[in-house]
Amino acid sequence: MIDLRSDTVTRPGKEMLEAMMNAQVGDDVYKEDPTVNALEQKAALLFGMEAALFCASGTMTNQIAINVHTRPGDEVICDRLAHIYLYEAGSIARLSGSSVNLISGDRGRFTAEDVKLAVNPDDIHRANTSLVSIENTMNKGGGACWDFNELKKISSLCREKNLRFHMDGARIFNALAETGEQPEDYGSLFDSISICLSKGLGAPVGSLILGKKDFIKKA
């Protein structure tokens, strides 16, 4: 039976189970697990970023990124269909003490102009806008892929406004397969990227967060 409830309903095949049983392991806290180290290094290199951190889930990587990028009382801009808002148990508020400013985009995608209008002014009465987050592909938007040129415009705006830019790339490998774009193209636009191993790649569990070395150290 093919289980279509979710693209996370995956089971390891014979070869994957053998790889698990034969994997070299060590203490990850002391960075002595050669398999985890190799995975983090490969992922960072693939996207042209400095470092990576292996975590249990995409919710964990997203929320760690948000926590590093924001301070309590800040505001996060995302689409109203975003996974970080709809499906991560209110963690933006619970874990980071931040509010959200929701954009009603096109199947979960919005424009640089939308972001420009959503950024709060420098006003003591308003939350400090500190982070913009996008999701690619857009799960609740039917797997919609973002237009790369629009992402470049949003990235430029974030730099202009001194905002951090995060990508929930839970299904980024699906987007890359569809568009023919390269991972390093995305690495040049974002301050942090979350990639999921249990979606299109079919691993049983795990996600990675990518970014600069000082960001990953804080993560």
N, C-alpha and C. Protein backbone atom coordinates (compact mmCIF):
# COMPACT_ATOMS: atom_id res chain seq x y z
N MET A 1 0.84 -1.20 0.00
CA MET A 1 0.00 0.00 0.00
C MET A 1 0.87 1.25 0.00
N ILE A 2 0.52 2.22 -0.82
CA ILE A 2 1.21 3.51 -0.85
C ILE A 2 0.46 4.47 0.09
N ASP A 3 1.14 4.94 1.11
CA ASP A 3 0.53 5.79 2.12
C ASP A 3 0.73 7.25 1.74
N LEU A 4 -0.34 7.93 1.38
CA LEU A 4 -0.27 9.31 0.93
C LEU A 4 -0.71 10.32 1.98
N ARG A 5 -0.79 9.90 3.25
CA ARG A 5 -1.18 10.84 4.29
C ARG A 5 -0.18 11.98 4.41
N SER A 6 1.09 11.68 4.24
CA SER A 6 2.14 12.68 4.38
C SER A 6 3.39 12.20 3.68
N ASP A 7 4.22 13.16 3.23
CA ASP A 7 5.50 12.75 2.64
C ASP A 7 6.54 12.45 3.70
N THR A 8 6.13 12.45 4.97
CA THR A 8 7.04 12.01 6.04
C THR A 8 6.82 10.55 6.40
N VAL A 9 5.81 9.93 5.81
CA VAL A 9 5.53 8.52 6.10
C VAL A 9 6.50 7.67 5.26
N THR A 10 7.74 7.61 5.71
CA THR A 10 8.78 6.88 4.97
C THR A 10 9.39 5.81 5.87
N ARG A 11 9.80 4.72 5.25
CA ARG A 11 10.46 3.64 5.99
C ARG A 11 11.78 3.32 5.29
N PRO A 12 12.82 3.06 6.06
CA PRO A 12 14.11 2.77 5.44
C PRO A 12 14.10 1.44 4.70
N GLY A 13 14.73 1.43 3.53
CA GLY A 13 14.90 0.20 2.78
C GLY A 13 16.08 -0.60 3.31
N LYS A 14 16.34 -1.72 2.69
CA LYS A 14 17.39 -2.62 3.15
C LYS A 14 18.75 -1.92 3.16
N GLU A 15 19.05 -1.21 2.08
CA GLU A 15 20.36 -0.55 1.98
C GLU A 15 20.52 0.53 3.04
N MET A 16 19.43 1.29 3.31
CA MET A 16 19.50 2.34 4.31
C MET A 16 19.69 1.76 5.71
N LEU A 17 19.00 0.66 6.00
CA LEU A 17 19.16 0.00 7.29
C LEU A 17 20.58 -0.51 7.48
N GLU A 18 21.15 -1.05 6.42
CA GLU A 18 22.53 -1.53 6.49
C GLU A 18 23.49 -0.37 6.74
N ALA A 19 23.23 0.76 6.08
CA ALA A 19 24.08 1.94 6.28
C ALA A 19 24.00 2.43 7.72
N MET A 20 22.80 2.39 8.30
CA MET A 20 22.64 2.79 9.71
C MET A 20 23.43 1.87 10.64
N MET A 21 23.30 0.57 10.41
CA MET A 21 23.96 -0.40 11.28
C MET A 21 25.47 -0.30 11.21
N ASN A 22 26.00 0.11 10.06
CA ASN A 22 27.45 0.15 9.85
C ASN A 22 28.05 1.54 9.99
N ALA A 23 27.21 2.52 10.32
CA ALA A 23 27.69 3.90 10.41
C ALA A 23 28.67 4.07 11.57
N GLN A 24 29.69 4.88 11.34
CA GLN A 24 30.62 5.24 12.41
C GLN A 24 29.93 6.26 13.31
N VAL A 25 30.01 6.06 14.62
CA VAL A 25 29.34 6.96 15.55
C VAL A 25 30.31 7.46 16.62
N GLY A 26 29.90 8.50 17.31
CA GLY A 26 30.69 9.08 18.39
C GLY A 26 29.84 10.08 19.14
N ASP A 27 30.44 10.82 20.04
CA ASP A 27 29.73 11.80 20.85
C ASP A 27 29.56 13.09 20.05
N ASP A 28 28.32 13.43 19.73
CA ASP A 28 28.06 14.60 18.90
C ASP A 28 28.35 15.90 19.65
N VAL A 29 28.15 15.92 20.97
CA VAL A 29 28.41 17.13 21.75
C VAL A 29 29.87 17.56 21.61
N TYR A 30 30.77 16.57 21.62
CA TYR A 30 32.20 16.86 21.46
C TYR A 30 32.63 16.87 20.00
N LYS A 31 31.62 16.85 19.09
CA LYS A 31 31.88 16.85 17.64
C LYS A 31 32.73 15.65 17.24
N GLU A 32 32.49 14.50 17.89
CA GLU A 32 33.28 13.29 17.64
C GLU A 32 32.49 12.23 16.88
N ASP A 33 31.32 12.61 16.34
CA ASP A 33 30.55 11.68 15.53
C ASP A 33 30.89 11.94 14.07
N PRO A 34 31.71 11.08 13.45
CA PRO A 34 32.18 11.35 12.09
C PRO A 34 31.06 11.36 11.06
N THR A 35 30.00 10.59 11.30
CA THR A 35 28.89 10.55 10.34
C THR A 35 28.10 11.84 10.38
N VAL A 36 27.79 12.33 11.57
CA VAL A 36 27.08 13.60 11.70
C VAL A 36 27.94 14.75 11.18
N ASN A 37 29.22 14.72 11.51
CA ASN A 37 30.13 15.77 11.02
C ASN A 37 30.15 15.81 9.50
N ALA A 38 30.22 14.64 8.89
CA ALA A 38 30.27 14.56 7.43
C ALA A 38 28.96 15.05 6.82
N LEU A 39 27.84 14.71 7.45
CA LEU A 39 26.53 15.16 6.97
C LEU A 39 26.43 16.68 7.03
N GLU A 40 26.82 17.26 8.16
CA GLU A 40 26.74 18.72 8.32
C GLU A 40 27.64 19.42 7.32
N GLN A 41 28.86 18.90 7.14
CA GLN A 41 29.79 19.52 6.20
C GLN A 41 29.29 19.42 4.76
N LYS A 42 28.72 18.27 4.40
CA LYS A 42 28.21 18.08 3.04
C LYS A 42 27.06 19.03 2.75
N ALA A 43 26.14 19.16 3.72
CA ALA A 43 24.97 20.02 3.53
C ALA A 43 25.39 21.48 3.40
N ALA A 44 26.30 21.92 4.27
CA ALA A 44 26.76 23.31 4.21
C ALA A 44 27.45 23.59 2.88
N LEU A 45 28.31 22.69 2.46
CA LEU A 45 29.03 22.86 1.20
C LEU A 45 28.07 22.88 0.03
N LEU A 46 27.06 22.03 0.05
CA LEU A 46 26.09 21.93 -1.04
C LEU A 46 25.39 23.25 -1.28
N PHE A 47 25.06 23.97 -0.19
CA PHE A 47 24.34 25.22 -0.31
C PHE A 47 25.26 26.45 -0.24
N GLY A 48 26.56 26.22 -0.22
CA GLY A 48 27.50 27.32 -0.20
C GLY A 48 27.46 28.12 1.09
N MET A 49 27.16 27.45 2.20
CA MET A 49 27.12 28.12 3.49
C MET A 49 28.24 27.60 4.39
N GLU A 50 28.50 28.29 5.48
CA GLU A 50 29.69 27.99 6.28
C GLU A 50 29.56 26.76 7.16
N ALA A 51 28.36 26.53 7.71
CA ALA A 51 28.23 25.47 8.70
C ALA A 51 26.79 24.96 8.73
N ALA A 52 26.61 23.83 9.45
CA ALA A 52 25.28 23.25 9.56
C ALA A 52 25.14 22.56 10.91
N LEU A 53 23.89 22.33 11.30
CA LEU A 53 23.59 21.64 12.55
C LEU A 53 22.50 20.62 12.30
N PHE A 54 22.77 19.36 12.64
CA PHE A 54 21.80 18.28 12.49
C PHE A 54 20.83 18.27 13.66
N CYS A 55 19.53 18.23 13.36
CA CYS A 55 18.49 18.22 14.40
C CYS A 55 17.48 17.12 14.12
N ALA A 56 16.55 16.96 15.05
CA ALA A 56 15.59 15.86 14.93
C ALA A 56 14.50 16.13 13.91
N SER A 57 14.11 17.40 13.74
CA SER A 57 12.97 17.69 12.87
C SER A 57 13.06 19.08 12.25
N GLY A 58 12.22 19.31 11.24
CA GLY A 58 12.15 20.61 10.61
C GLY A 58 11.55 21.67 11.52
N THR A 59 10.62 21.28 12.36
CA THR A 59 10.08 22.22 13.34
C THR A 59 11.19 22.71 14.26
N MET A 60 12.06 21.79 14.66
CA MET A 60 13.17 22.17 15.54
C MET A 60 14.12 23.13 14.83
N THR A 61 14.50 22.83 13.59
CA THR A 61 15.44 23.71 12.89
C THR A 61 14.82 25.08 12.63
N ASN A 62 13.56 25.11 12.24
CA ASN A 62 12.89 26.40 12.01
C ASN A 62 12.85 27.23 13.28
N GLN A 63 12.46 26.61 14.37
CA GLN A 63 12.29 27.36 15.61
C GLN A 63 13.62 27.78 16.22
N ILE A 64 14.65 26.97 16.04
CA ILE A 64 15.99 27.39 16.47
C ILE A 64 16.41 28.63 15.70
N ALA A 65 16.20 28.61 14.39
CA ALA A 65 16.57 29.76 13.56
C ALA A 65 15.84 31.01 14.00
N ILE A 66 14.54 30.90 14.21
CA ILE A 66 13.75 32.04 14.66
C ILE A 66 14.25 32.55 16.00
N ASN A 67 14.60 31.63 16.90
CA ASN A 67 15.07 32.02 18.23
C ASN A 67 16.40 32.77 18.16
N VAL A 68 17.29 32.35 17.26
CA VAL A 68 18.58 33.02 17.12
C VAL A 68 18.41 34.40 16.47
N HIS A 69 17.51 34.49 15.51
CA HIS A 69 17.35 35.72 14.73
C HIS A 69 16.53 36.80 15.43
N THR A 70 15.79 36.44 16.48
CA THR A 70 14.87 37.41 17.09
C THR A 70 15.16 37.58 18.57
N ARG A 71 14.55 38.63 19.13
CA ARG A 71 14.53 38.84 20.57
C ARG A 71 13.07 38.92 21.01
N PRO A 72 12.78 38.63 22.29
CA PRO A 72 11.39 38.73 22.75
C PRO A 72 10.80 40.10 22.45
N GLY A 73 9.59 40.09 21.89
CA GLY A 73 8.93 41.33 21.50
C GLY A 73 9.10 41.68 20.05
N ASP A 74 9.96 40.94 19.32
CA ASP A 74 10.14 41.17 17.89
C ASP A 74 8.96 40.63 17.09
N GLU A 75 8.99 40.88 15.80
CA GLU A 75 7.94 40.39 14.91
C GLU A 75 8.55 39.68 13.71
N VAL A 76 7.91 38.59 13.32
CA VAL A 76 8.34 37.77 12.19
C VAL A 76 7.33 37.91 11.07
N ILE A 77 7.80 38.20 9.87
CA ILE A 77 6.93 38.29 8.70
C ILE A 77 6.92 36.93 7.99
N CYS A 78 5.72 36.39 7.75
CA CYS A 78 5.59 35.16 6.99
C CYS A 78 4.20 35.12 6.36
N ASP A 79 3.96 34.15 5.50
CA ASP A 79 2.65 34.03 4.89
C ASP A 79 1.68 33.37 5.88
N ARG A 80 0.40 33.63 5.71
CA ARG A 80 -0.63 33.06 6.60
C ARG A 80 -0.71 31.54 6.47
N LEU A 81 -0.17 30.97 5.38
CA LEU A 81 -0.18 29.53 5.18
C LEU A 81 1.13 28.86 5.63
N ALA A 82 2.04 29.63 6.17
CA ALA A 82 3.38 29.12 6.49
C ALA A 82 3.33 28.04 7.56
N HIS A 83 4.16 27.04 7.39
CA HIS A 83 4.26 25.95 8.36
C HIS A 83 4.68 26.47 9.73
N ILE A 84 5.59 27.44 9.77
CA ILE A 84 6.07 27.96 11.06
C ILE A 84 4.95 28.61 11.85
N TYR A 85 3.89 29.06 11.15
CA TYR A 85 2.75 29.67 11.82
C TYR A 85 1.63 28.67 12.09
N LEU A 86 1.29 27.85 11.09
CA LEU A 86 0.13 26.97 11.20
C LEU A 86 0.39 25.69 11.97
N TYR A 87 1.59 25.13 11.82
CA TYR A 87 1.80 23.74 12.24
C TYR A 87 2.94 23.53 13.23
N GLU A 88 3.40 24.61 13.87
CA GLU A 88 4.51 24.43 14.81
C GLU A 88 4.13 24.86 16.22
N ALA A 89 2.86 24.62 16.56
CA ALA A 89 2.36 24.68 17.94
C ALA A 89 2.57 26.01 18.64
N GLY A 90 2.48 27.10 17.89
CA GLY A 90 2.63 28.41 18.52
C GLY A 90 4.02 28.68 19.06
N SER A 91 5.02 27.98 18.50
CA SER A 91 6.37 28.05 19.07
C SER A 91 7.04 29.40 18.89
N ILE A 92 6.64 30.15 17.88
CA ILE A 92 7.23 31.50 17.72
C ILE A 92 6.96 32.33 18.96
N ALA A 93 5.74 32.22 19.48
CA ALA A 93 5.38 32.94 20.72
C ALA A 93 5.95 32.25 21.94
N ARG A 94 5.77 30.92 22.00
CA ARG A 94 6.14 30.19 23.20
C ARG A 94 7.65 30.18 23.44
N LEU A 95 8.43 29.93 22.41
CA LEU A 95 9.88 29.75 22.57
C LEU A 95 10.67 31.04 22.38
N SER A 96 10.20 31.91 21.48
CA SER A 96 10.98 33.12 21.16
C SER A 96 10.34 34.41 21.63
N GLY A 97 9.09 34.34 22.08
CA GLY A 97 8.43 35.55 22.57
C GLY A 97 8.18 36.58 21.49
N SER A 98 8.06 36.10 20.24
CA SER A 98 7.85 37.01 19.12
C SER A 98 6.44 36.86 18.55
N SER A 99 5.96 37.92 17.93
CA SER A 99 4.67 37.90 17.26
C SER A 99 4.88 37.69 15.76
N VAL A 100 3.80 37.51 15.02
CA VAL A 100 3.90 37.33 13.58
C VAL A 100 3.06 38.37 12.86
N ASN A 101 3.54 38.78 11.71
CA ASN A 101 2.80 39.66 10.81
C ASN A 101 2.53 38.84 9.55
N LEU A 102 1.27 38.47 9.35
CA LEU A 102 0.92 37.53 8.29
C LEU A 102 0.59 38.24 6.99
N ILE A 103 1.16 37.73 5.90
CA ILE A 103 0.86 38.20 4.56
C ILE A 103 -0.06 37.19 3.89
N SER A 104 -1.06 37.68 3.20
CA SER A 104 -1.96 36.81 2.42
C SER A 104 -1.45 36.79 0.98
N GLY A 105 -0.59 35.84 0.70
CA GLY A 105 0.04 35.80 -0.61
C GLY A 105 -0.67 34.91 -1.60
N ASP A 106 0.03 34.56 -2.66
CA ASP A 106 -0.47 33.69 -3.72
C ASP A 106 0.01 32.27 -3.45
N ARG A 107 -0.88 31.41 -2.91
CA ARG A 107 -0.53 30.04 -2.56
C ARG A 107 0.70 30.00 -1.64
N GLY A 108 0.74 30.96 -0.73
CA GLY A 108 1.81 31.00 0.25
C GLY A 108 3.03 31.79 -0.14
N ARG A 109 2.99 32.38 -1.33
CA ARG A 109 4.14 33.16 -1.81
C ARG A 109 3.78 34.64 -1.86
N PHE A 110 4.74 35.48 -1.50
CA PHE A 110 4.50 36.91 -1.51
C PHE A 110 5.64 37.62 -2.22
N THR A 111 5.54 38.93 -2.34
CA THR A 111 6.52 39.72 -3.09
C THR A 111 7.34 40.62 -2.17
N ALA A 112 8.38 41.18 -2.73
CA ALA A 112 9.19 42.13 -1.98
C ALA A 112 8.37 43.35 -1.58
N GLU A 113 7.45 43.73 -2.45
CA GLU A 113 6.58 44.87 -2.13
C GLU A 113 5.68 44.54 -0.95
N ASP A 114 5.21 43.29 -0.88
CA ASP A 114 4.41 42.87 0.27
C ASP A 114 5.21 42.99 1.55
N VAL A 115 6.46 42.57 1.49
CA VAL A 115 7.33 42.64 2.66
C VAL A 115 7.57 44.10 3.07
N LYS A 116 7.82 44.93 2.09
CA LYS A 116 8.07 46.35 2.36
C LYS A 116 6.90 46.98 3.11
N LEU A 117 5.69 46.61 2.72
CA LEU A 117 4.50 47.16 3.37
C LEU A 117 4.29 46.57 4.77
N ALA A 118 4.82 45.36 5.00
CA ALA A 118 4.61 44.68 6.28
C ALA A 118 5.62 45.06 7.35
N VAL A 119 6.75 45.62 6.96
CA VAL A 119 7.78 46.00 7.93
C VAL A 119 7.28 47.16 8.78
N ASN A 120 7.34 46.99 10.07
CA ASN A 120 6.87 48.04 10.97
C ASN A 120 7.80 49.25 10.96
N PRO A 121 7.24 50.45 11.10
CA PRO A 121 8.08 51.65 11.20
C PRO A 121 8.82 51.66 12.54
N ASP A 122 9.83 52.50 12.61
CA ASP A 122 10.58 52.66 13.86
C ASP A 122 9.74 53.48 14.82
N ASP A 123 8.89 52.78 15.56
CA ASP A 123 7.89 53.42 16.42
C ASP A 123 7.86 52.65 17.74
N ILE A 124 7.98 53.35 18.84
CA ILE A 124 8.03 52.71 20.15
C ILE A 124 6.78 51.90 20.45
N HIS A 125 5.68 52.19 19.77
CA HIS A 125 4.43 51.47 19.99
C HIS A 125 4.34 50.17 19.18
N ARG A 126 5.25 49.97 18.25
CA ARG A 126 5.16 48.84 17.33
C ARG A 126 6.24 47.81 17.62
N ALA A 127 5.93 46.55 17.32
CA ALA A 127 6.94 45.50 17.47
C ALA A 127 8.08 45.72 16.48
N ASN A 128 9.27 45.32 16.87
CA ASN A 128 10.43 45.45 16.01
C ASN A 128 10.45 44.30 15.00
N THR A 129 10.32 44.63 13.72
CA THR A 129 10.40 43.61 12.68
C THR A 129 11.85 43.19 12.53
N SER A 130 12.13 41.90 12.69
CA SER A 130 13.53 41.46 12.64
C SER A 130 13.78 40.31 11.67
N LEU A 131 12.71 39.63 11.22
CA LEU A 131 12.91 38.42 10.43
C LEU A 131 11.80 38.26 9.39
N VAL A 132 12.22 37.82 8.19
CA VAL A 132 11.29 37.41 7.14
C VAL A 132 11.54 35.94 6.87
N SER A 133 10.47 35.15 6.82
CA SER A 133 10.60 33.71 6.58
C SER A 133 9.74 33.28 5.40
N ILE A 134 10.33 32.47 4.51
CA ILE A 134 9.56 31.91 3.40
C ILE A 134 9.67 30.39 3.46
N GLU A 135 8.76 29.71 2.76
CA GLU A 135 8.74 28.24 2.73
C GLU A 135 8.77 27.77 1.28
N ASN A 136 9.69 26.87 0.97
CA ASN A 136 9.85 26.41 -0.41
C ASN A 136 10.18 24.91 -0.45
N THR A 137 9.34 24.08 -1.08
CA THR A 137 8.07 24.44 -1.70
C THR A 137 7.03 24.75 -0.62
N MET A 138 5.95 25.38 -1.05
CA MET A 138 4.93 25.82 -0.11
C MET A 138 3.92 24.71 0.12
N ASN A 139 4.02 24.05 1.27
CA ASN A 139 3.19 22.88 1.56
C ASN A 139 1.70 23.18 1.43
N LYS A 140 1.22 24.14 2.20
CA LYS A 140 -0.21 24.46 2.22
C LYS A 140 -0.65 25.14 0.92
N GLY A 141 0.31 25.54 0.11
CA GLY A 141 0.00 26.14 -1.19
C GLY A 141 0.04 25.12 -2.31
N GLY A 142 -0.08 23.84 -1.97
CA GLY A 142 -0.12 22.80 -2.99
C GLY A 142 1.23 22.51 -3.62
N GLY A 143 2.29 22.77 -2.87
CA GLY A 143 3.62 22.50 -3.40
C GLY A 143 4.13 23.57 -4.35
N ALA A 144 3.62 24.79 -4.21
CA ALA A 144 4.02 25.89 -5.09
C ALA A 144 5.50 26.24 -4.88
N CYS A 145 6.20 26.47 -5.99
CA CYS A 145 7.61 26.88 -5.94
C CYS A 145 7.70 28.40 -6.02
N TRP A 146 8.66 28.94 -5.33
CA TRP A 146 8.90 30.39 -5.37
C TRP A 146 9.64 30.78 -6.64
N ASP A 147 9.37 31.99 -7.12
CA ASP A 147 10.12 32.57 -8.22
C ASP A 147 11.45 33.08 -7.67
N PHE A 148 12.56 32.58 -8.22
CA PHE A 148 13.87 32.90 -7.66
C PHE A 148 14.18 34.39 -7.75
N ASN A 149 13.76 35.02 -8.81
CA ASN A 149 14.02 36.46 -8.97
C ASN A 149 13.30 37.26 -7.89
N GLU A 150 12.11 36.81 -7.48
CA GLU A 150 11.40 37.51 -6.41
C GLU A 150 12.12 37.31 -5.08
N LEU A 151 12.67 36.10 -4.88
CA LEU A 151 13.44 35.86 -3.66
C LEU A 151 14.68 36.76 -3.61
N LYS A 152 15.30 37.00 -4.75
CA LYS A 152 16.45 37.91 -4.80
C LYS A 152 16.03 39.32 -4.39
N LYS A 153 14.86 39.74 -4.83
CA LYS A 153 14.37 41.07 -4.46
C LYS A 153 14.08 41.16 -2.96
N ILE A 154 13.48 40.10 -2.41
CA ILE A 154 13.19 40.09 -0.97
C ILE A 154 14.49 40.09 -0.18
N SER A 155 15.48 39.30 -0.64
CA SER A 155 16.77 39.25 0.04
C SER A 155 17.43 40.62 0.05
N SER A 156 17.38 41.32 -1.06
CA SER A 156 17.98 42.67 -1.14
C SER A 156 17.26 43.63 -0.19
N LEU A 157 15.94 43.52 -0.14
CA LEU A 157 15.17 44.38 0.76
C LEU A 157 15.52 44.09 2.22
N CYS A 158 15.68 42.81 2.56
CA CYS A 158 16.05 42.45 3.93
C CYS A 158 17.40 43.05 4.32
N ARG A 159 18.34 43.01 3.42
CA ARG A 159 19.65 43.60 3.70
C ARG A 159 19.53 45.11 3.87
N GLU A 160 18.72 45.72 3.03
CA GLU A 160 18.51 47.16 3.11
C GLU A 160 17.87 47.56 4.44
N LYS A 161 16.94 46.74 4.92
CA LYS A 161 16.20 47.05 6.14
C LYS A 161 16.84 46.41 7.38
N ASN A 162 17.98 45.76 7.22
CA ASN A 162 18.68 45.08 8.33
C ASN A 162 17.80 44.01 8.97
N LEU A 163 17.13 43.23 8.11
CA LEU A 163 16.31 42.11 8.55
C LEU A 163 17.02 40.81 8.24
N ARG A 164 16.79 39.78 9.05
CA ARG A 164 17.30 38.45 8.73
C ARG A 164 16.30 37.77 7.79
N PHE A 165 16.82 36.84 6.98
CA PHE A 165 16.01 36.16 5.97
C PHE A 165 16.20 34.65 6.12
N HIS A 166 15.10 33.95 6.44
CA HIS A 166 15.15 32.50 6.69
C HIS A 166 14.31 31.76 5.66
N MET A 167 14.80 30.59 5.24
CA MET A 167 14.00 29.72 4.38
C MET A 167 13.71 28.40 5.06
N ASP A 168 12.42 28.10 5.21
CA ASP A 168 11.98 26.77 5.59
C ASP A 168 12.02 25.95 4.31
N GLY A 169 13.13 25.25 4.11
CA GLY A 169 13.32 24.47 2.89
C GLY A 169 12.98 23.01 3.08
N ALA A 170 11.85 22.75 3.76
CA ALA A 170 11.46 21.36 4.03
C ALA A 170 11.41 20.55 2.74
N ARG A 171 10.97 21.18 1.65
CA ARG A 171 10.86 20.48 0.36
C ARG A 171 11.69 21.18 -0.71
N ILE A 172 12.82 21.75 -0.31
CA ILE A 172 13.65 22.49 -1.26
C ILE A 172 14.19 21.58 -2.37
N PHE A 173 14.41 20.31 -2.05
CA PHE A 173 14.94 19.41 -3.08
C PHE A 173 13.89 19.13 -4.15
N ASN A 174 12.62 19.17 -3.78
CA ASN A 174 11.56 19.07 -4.78
C ASN A 174 11.56 20.30 -5.68
N ALA A 175 11.75 21.48 -5.08
CA ALA A 175 11.80 22.72 -5.86
C ALA A 175 12.99 22.71 -6.82
N LEU A 176 14.14 22.24 -6.33
CA LEU A 176 15.33 22.20 -7.18
C LEU A 176 15.14 21.24 -8.35
N ALA A 177 14.48 20.11 -8.10
CA ALA A 177 14.23 19.15 -9.17
C ALA A 177 13.30 19.73 -10.22
N GLU A 178 12.35 20.55 -9.77
CA GLU A 178 11.37 21.13 -10.69
C GLU A 178 11.95 22.29 -11.50
N THR A 179 12.74 23.15 -10.83
CA THR A 179 13.21 24.38 -11.49
C THR A 179 14.57 24.25 -12.14
N GLY A 180 15.37 23.28 -11.71
CA GLY A 180 16.72 23.15 -12.24
C GLY A 180 17.70 24.12 -11.62
N GLU A 181 17.26 24.86 -10.59
CA GLU A 181 18.16 25.78 -9.88
C GLU A 181 19.14 24.99 -9.03
N GLN A 182 20.21 25.66 -8.59
CA GLN A 182 21.26 25.01 -7.82
C GLN A 182 21.17 25.41 -6.34
N PRO A 183 21.53 24.49 -5.44
CA PRO A 183 21.44 24.80 -4.00
C PRO A 183 22.23 26.04 -3.61
N GLU A 184 23.43 26.22 -4.19
CA GLU A 184 24.25 27.36 -3.80
C GLU A 184 23.61 28.69 -4.19
N ASP A 185 22.70 28.68 -5.19
CA ASP A 185 21.98 29.90 -5.53
C ASP A 185 21.17 30.39 -4.34
N TYR A 186 20.58 29.45 -3.60
CA TYR A 186 19.78 29.79 -2.44
C TYR A 186 20.66 30.19 -1.26
N GLY A 187 21.79 29.54 -1.13
CA GLY A 187 22.69 29.86 -0.03
C GLY A 187 23.15 31.30 -0.04
N SER A 188 23.19 31.91 -1.21
CA SER A 188 23.65 33.29 -1.31
C SER A 188 22.60 34.30 -0.89
N LEU A 189 21.35 33.86 -0.76
CA LEU A 189 20.26 34.79 -0.46
C LEU A 189 19.85 34.84 1.01
N PHE A 190 20.06 33.75 1.72
CA PHE A 190 19.47 33.60 3.05
C PHE A 190 20.50 33.64 4.17
N ASP A 191 20.05 34.10 5.33
CA ASP A 191 20.87 34.04 6.54
C ASP A 191 20.83 32.66 7.16
N SER A 192 19.73 31.95 6.94
CA SER A 192 19.61 30.59 7.45
C SER A 192 18.66 29.80 6.55
N ILE A 193 18.94 28.51 6.44
CA ILE A 193 18.12 27.60 5.64
C ILE A 193 17.90 26.33 6.44
N SER A 194 16.65 25.88 6.48
CA SER A 194 16.34 24.58 7.06
C SER A 194 16.05 23.61 5.93
N ILE A 195 16.71 22.46 5.93
CA ILE A 195 16.43 21.43 4.93
C ILE A 195 16.02 20.15 5.64
N CYS A 196 15.07 19.44 5.06
CA CYS A 196 14.52 18.24 5.68
C CYS A 196 15.01 17.00 4.94
N LEU A 197 15.43 15.99 5.68
CA LEU A 197 15.93 14.75 5.10
C LEU A 197 14.85 13.70 4.95
N SER A 198 13.72 13.89 5.64
CA SER A 198 12.67 12.86 5.64
C SER A 198 11.55 13.14 4.65
N LYS A 199 11.72 14.16 3.82
CA LYS A 199 10.70 14.46 2.80
C LYS A 199 11.14 13.83 1.47
N GLY A 200 11.52 14.66 0.52
CA GLY A 200 11.87 14.15 -0.80
C GLY A 200 13.04 13.18 -0.81
N LEU A 201 13.94 13.29 0.18
CA LEU A 201 15.11 12.41 0.22
C LEU A 201 14.79 11.06 0.85
N GLY A 202 13.69 10.98 1.61
CA GLY A 202 13.21 9.70 2.10
C GLY A 202 13.92 9.11 3.30
N ALA A 203 14.73 9.88 4.01
CA ALA A 203 15.35 9.36 5.23
C ALA A 203 14.29 9.25 6.33
N PRO A 204 14.51 8.38 7.31
CA PRO A 204 13.48 8.19 8.35
C PRO A 204 13.25 9.40 9.23
N VAL A 205 14.27 10.20 9.46
CA VAL A 205 14.13 11.31 10.40
C VAL A 205 15.24 12.32 10.16
N GLY A 206 15.02 13.55 10.60
CA GLY A 206 16.12 14.51 10.65
C GLY A 206 16.01 15.68 9.70
N SER A 207 16.53 16.82 10.16
CA SER A 207 16.64 18.03 9.37
C SER A 207 17.96 18.72 9.73
N LEU A 208 18.38 19.63 8.88
CA LEU A 208 19.59 20.40 9.15
C LEU A 208 19.28 21.88 9.03
N ILE A 209 19.95 22.67 9.85
CA ILE A 209 19.88 24.11 9.71
C ILE A 209 21.25 24.59 9.25
N LEU A 210 21.25 25.48 8.25
CA LEU A 210 22.48 25.95 7.63
C LEU A 210 22.63 27.46 7.85
N GLY A 211 23.87 27.91 7.98
CA GLY A 211 24.11 29.33 8.14
C GLY A 211 25.59 29.61 8.33
N LYS A 212 25.91 30.80 8.77
CA LYS A 212 27.29 31.15 9.06
C LYS A 212 27.74 30.48 10.36
N LYS A 213 29.05 30.41 10.56
CA LYS A 213 29.58 29.70 11.72
C LYS A 213 29.09 30.28 13.04
N ASP A 214 29.06 31.61 13.14
CA ASP A 214 28.63 32.20 14.42
C ASP A 214 27.14 31.96 14.65
N PHE A 215 26.35 31.93 13.59
CA PHE A 215 24.93 31.62 13.72
C PHE A 215 24.74 30.18 14.21
N ILE A 216 25.47 29.23 13.61
CA ILE A 216 25.34 27.84 14.00
C ILE A 216 25.84 27.62 15.42
N LYS A 217 26.84 28.34 15.83
CA LYS A 217 27.32 28.24 17.21
C LYS A 217 26.23 28.65 18.19
N LYS A 218 25.51 29.74 17.87
CA LYS A 218 24.41 30.17 18.72
C LYS A 218 23.27 29.16 18.67
N ALA A 219 23.04 28.60 17.49
CA ALA A 219 21.98 27.58 17.34
C ALA A 219 22.25 26.38 18.23
